[in-house]
Amino acid sequence: MAKQKKLEFTSKIPTLEKVWFDSDVIEKVINNLLANAIKYTSAEGKILFEVILTNDGMMNLIFTNSWSALWLLTCPAITPD
């Protein structure tokens, strides 16, 4: 559907060397959010996916389309001692 709608997709993901998370769960969440971003972005629109690590040990997953931030998911980021 993204190719049919001619969407432009970009991502900003920092190096995640010290972050631990359940990759199966994160994969399902990202796939669901991306599917919604594609569904609700108009033809020839843009989608940006960002991962932001916060100072309080959280990891924000943000999908933004051509108009506004669609979804913001905050997950605890588990860092090894």
N, C-alpha and C. Protein backbone atom coordinates (compact mmCIF):
# COMPACT_ATOMS: atom_id res chain seq x y z
N MET A 1 0.81 -1.19 0.00
CA MET A 1 0.00 0.00 0.00
C MET A 1 0.87 1.28 0.00
N ALA A 2 2.01 1.24 0.71
CA ALA A 2 2.89 2.41 0.76
C ALA A 2 3.42 2.76 -0.63
N LYS A 3 3.77 1.75 -1.43
CA LYS A 3 4.25 2.02 -2.79
C LYS A 3 3.13 2.58 -3.65
N GLN A 4 1.93 2.04 -3.50
CA GLN A 4 0.79 2.52 -4.29
C GLN A 4 0.48 3.97 -3.96
N LYS A 5 0.63 4.35 -2.70
CA LYS A 5 0.34 5.72 -2.28
C LYS A 5 1.54 6.65 -2.49
N LYS A 6 2.67 6.09 -2.94
CA LYS A 6 3.90 6.85 -3.18
C LYS A 6 4.33 7.63 -1.94
N LEU A 7 4.41 6.93 -0.82
CA LEU A 7 4.80 7.55 0.43
C LEU A 7 6.30 7.60 0.58
N GLU A 8 6.79 8.64 1.22
CA GLU A 8 8.21 8.78 1.53
C GLU A 8 8.39 8.42 3.00
N PHE A 9 9.26 7.46 3.29
CA PHE A 9 9.48 7.00 4.66
C PHE A 9 10.91 7.31 5.07
N THR A 10 11.07 7.96 6.21
CA THR A 10 12.41 8.19 6.77
C THR A 10 12.40 7.80 8.24
N SER A 11 13.58 7.54 8.75
CA SER A 11 13.70 7.16 10.16
C SER A 11 14.90 7.83 10.79
N LYS A 12 14.78 8.08 12.08
CA LYS A 12 15.88 8.61 12.89
C LYS A 12 15.98 7.71 14.12
N ILE A 13 16.95 6.83 14.09
CA ILE A 13 17.12 5.86 15.18
C ILE A 13 18.56 5.94 15.68
N PRO A 14 18.73 6.31 16.95
CA PRO A 14 20.09 6.38 17.48
C PRO A 14 20.65 4.97 17.71
N THR A 15 21.93 4.90 17.92
CA THR A 15 22.54 3.63 18.29
C THR A 15 21.96 3.18 19.62
N LEU A 16 21.52 1.95 19.69
CA LEU A 16 20.85 1.44 20.89
C LEU A 16 21.70 0.39 21.58
N GLU A 17 22.95 0.72 21.85
CA GLU A 17 23.88 -0.24 22.44
C GLU A 17 23.51 -0.67 23.85
N LYS A 18 22.97 0.24 24.65
CA LYS A 18 22.71 -0.05 26.06
C LYS A 18 21.24 -0.16 26.39
N VAL A 19 20.44 -0.53 25.41
CA VAL A 19 19.00 -0.64 25.63
C VAL A 19 18.59 -2.10 25.48
N TRP A 20 17.80 -2.56 26.43
CA TRP A 20 17.29 -3.92 26.39
C TRP A 20 15.77 -3.85 26.34
N PHE A 21 15.18 -4.65 25.46
CA PHE A 21 13.72 -4.70 25.36
C PHE A 21 13.33 -6.02 24.72
N ASP A 22 12.08 -6.37 24.83
CA ASP A 22 11.57 -7.59 24.22
C ASP A 22 11.38 -7.32 22.73
N SER A 23 12.27 -7.84 21.91
CA SER A 23 12.25 -7.52 20.48
C SER A 23 10.97 -7.99 19.80
N ASP A 24 10.37 -9.10 20.25
CA ASP A 24 9.12 -9.57 19.65
C ASP A 24 7.99 -8.57 19.89
N VAL A 25 7.91 -8.06 21.10
CA VAL A 25 6.87 -7.09 21.43
C VAL A 25 7.08 -5.79 20.67
N ILE A 26 8.30 -5.28 20.67
CA ILE A 26 8.60 -4.03 19.97
C ILE A 26 8.34 -4.17 18.48
N GLU A 27 8.70 -5.33 17.91
CA GLU A 27 8.44 -5.55 16.48
C GLU A 27 6.95 -5.48 16.18
N LYS A 28 6.13 -6.12 17.01
CA LYS A 28 4.67 -6.09 16.79
C LYS A 28 4.12 -4.68 16.92
N VAL A 29 4.59 -3.95 17.93
CA VAL A 29 4.12 -2.57 18.15
C VAL A 29 4.50 -1.69 16.96
N ILE A 30 5.76 -1.76 16.54
CA ILE A 30 6.21 -0.93 15.42
C ILE A 30 5.46 -1.29 14.14
N ASN A 31 5.27 -2.57 13.88
CA ASN A 31 4.53 -2.98 12.69
C ASN A 31 3.11 -2.43 12.70
N ASN A 32 2.46 -2.48 13.87
CA ASN A 32 1.09 -1.97 13.99
C ASN A 32 1.06 -0.46 13.78
N LEU A 33 1.98 0.26 14.43
CA LEU A 33 2.01 1.71 14.28
C LEU A 33 2.35 2.12 12.85
N LEU A 34 3.27 1.40 12.21
CA LEU A 34 3.62 1.70 10.82
C LEU A 34 2.44 1.45 9.89
N ALA A 35 1.73 0.35 10.11
CA ALA A 35 0.55 0.06 9.29
C ALA A 35 -0.49 1.17 9.42
N ASN A 36 -0.69 1.67 10.64
CA ASN A 36 -1.63 2.77 10.84
C ASN A 36 -1.13 4.06 10.19
N ALA A 37 0.17 4.31 10.29
CA ALA A 37 0.73 5.50 9.66
C ALA A 37 0.52 5.46 8.15
N ILE A 38 0.76 4.31 7.55
CA ILE A 38 0.55 4.15 6.11
C ILE A 38 -0.93 4.34 5.77
N LYS A 39 -1.78 3.73 6.55
CA LYS A 39 -3.23 3.80 6.30
C LYS A 39 -3.75 5.23 6.36
N TYR A 40 -3.26 6.02 7.32
CA TYR A 40 -3.82 7.35 7.55
C TYR A 40 -3.01 8.50 6.94
N THR A 41 -2.00 8.19 6.16
CA THR A 41 -1.23 9.22 5.47
C THR A 41 -1.75 9.31 4.04
N SER A 42 -2.01 10.53 3.59
CA SER A 42 -2.55 10.71 2.25
C SER A 42 -1.49 10.40 1.18
N ALA A 43 -1.95 10.19 -0.04
CA ALA A 43 -1.07 9.86 -1.16
C ALA A 43 0.05 10.88 -1.29
N GLU A 44 1.24 10.38 -1.60
CA GLU A 44 2.46 11.17 -1.77
C GLU A 44 2.85 11.91 -0.49
N GLY A 45 2.39 11.41 0.65
CA GLY A 45 2.73 12.01 1.93
C GLY A 45 4.04 11.47 2.46
N LYS A 46 4.39 11.96 3.65
CA LYS A 46 5.65 11.57 4.28
C LYS A 46 5.38 10.97 5.65
N ILE A 47 6.19 9.96 6.00
CA ILE A 47 6.13 9.33 7.31
C ILE A 47 7.54 9.36 7.90
N LEU A 48 7.64 9.82 9.14
CA LEU A 48 8.91 9.83 9.86
C LEU A 48 8.76 8.96 11.09
N PHE A 49 9.71 8.04 11.29
CA PHE A 49 9.75 7.21 12.49
C PHE A 49 10.98 7.60 13.27
N GLU A 50 10.79 7.97 14.55
CA GLU A 50 11.90 8.38 15.41
C GLU A 50 11.92 7.55 16.68
N VAL A 51 13.11 7.26 17.14
CA VAL A 51 13.32 6.65 18.45
C VAL A 51 14.12 7.65 19.27
N ILE A 52 13.59 8.02 20.42
CA ILE A 52 14.27 8.98 21.29
C ILE A 52 14.47 8.34 22.65
N LEU A 53 15.70 8.31 23.12
CA LEU A 53 16.01 7.82 24.46
C LEU A 53 16.00 9.01 25.41
N THR A 54 15.25 8.90 26.49
CA THR A 54 15.14 10.01 27.43
C THR A 54 16.09 9.82 28.60
N ASN A 55 16.31 10.89 29.34
CA ASN A 55 17.22 10.84 30.49
C ASN A 55 16.68 9.99 31.63
N ASP A 56 15.38 9.76 31.66
CA ASP A 56 14.79 8.98 32.75
C ASP A 56 14.63 7.50 32.40
N GLY A 57 15.37 7.03 31.39
CA GLY A 57 15.38 5.61 31.06
C GLY A 57 14.22 5.13 30.21
N MET A 58 13.56 6.04 29.52
CA MET A 58 12.45 5.67 28.66
C MET A 58 12.87 5.74 27.20
N MET A 59 12.16 5.01 26.37
CA MET A 59 12.40 5.01 24.94
C MET A 59 11.09 5.43 24.27
N ASN A 60 11.10 6.55 23.55
CA ASN A 60 9.92 7.02 22.85
C ASN A 60 9.98 6.56 21.40
N LEU A 61 8.90 5.95 20.94
CA LEU A 61 8.74 5.58 19.54
C LEU A 61 7.71 6.54 18.96
N ILE A 62 8.11 7.33 17.98
CA ILE A 62 7.24 8.38 17.45
C ILE A 62 7.07 8.21 15.95
N PHE A 63 5.82 8.15 15.51
CA PHE A 63 5.50 8.16 14.09
C PHE A 63 4.84 9.49 13.79
N THR A 64 5.36 10.19 12.79
CA THR A 64 4.80 11.46 12.37
C THR A 64 4.50 11.36 10.88
N ASN A 65 3.33 11.88 10.49
CA ASN A 65 3.05 11.90 9.06
C ASN A 65 3.13 13.33 8.55
N SER A 66 2.70 13.58 7.34
CA SER A 66 2.82 14.89 6.71
C SER A 66 2.13 15.98 7.52
N TRP A 67 1.18 15.63 8.35
CA TRP A 67 0.38 16.64 9.04
C TRP A 67 0.78 16.82 10.49
N SER A 68 0.95 15.71 11.23
CA SER A 68 1.19 15.85 12.67
C SER A 68 1.73 14.55 13.25
N ALA A 69 2.10 14.61 14.53
CA ALA A 69 2.53 13.39 15.22
C ALA A 69 1.31 12.48 15.37
N LEU A 70 1.37 11.32 14.77
CA LEU A 70 0.23 10.40 14.82
C LEU A 70 0.19 9.64 16.14
N TRP A 71 1.30 9.04 16.47
CA TRP A 71 1.34 8.19 17.64
C TRP A 71 2.64 8.38 18.38
N LEU A 72 2.53 8.41 19.68
CA LEU A 72 3.70 8.47 20.54
C LEU A 72 3.57 7.34 21.54
N LEU A 73 4.53 6.47 21.58
CA LEU A 73 4.52 5.36 22.52
C LEU A 73 5.76 5.49 23.37
N THR A 74 5.56 5.50 24.68
CA THR A 74 6.69 5.57 25.60
C THR A 74 6.85 4.21 26.26
N CYS A 75 8.04 3.66 26.15
CA CYS A 75 8.34 2.34 26.71
C CYS A 75 9.50 2.47 27.68
N PRO A 76 9.46 1.71 28.77
CA PRO A 76 10.64 1.72 29.63
C PRO A 76 11.81 1.06 28.90
N ALA A 77 12.93 1.71 28.94
CA ALA A 77 14.14 1.14 28.34
C ALA A 77 14.95 0.54 29.49
N ILE A 78 15.26 -0.73 29.41
CA ILE A 78 15.99 -1.40 30.47
C ILE A 78 17.47 -1.35 30.12
N THR A 79 18.24 -0.70 30.95
CA THR A 79 19.66 -0.59 30.68
C THR A 79 20.42 -1.44 31.70
N PRO A 80 21.42 -2.18 31.25
CA PRO A 80 22.20 -3.01 32.17
C PRO A 80 23.03 -2.13 33.10
N ASP A 81 23.25 -2.60 34.31
CA ASP A 81 24.06 -1.85 35.30
C ASP A 81 25.53 -1.88 34.92
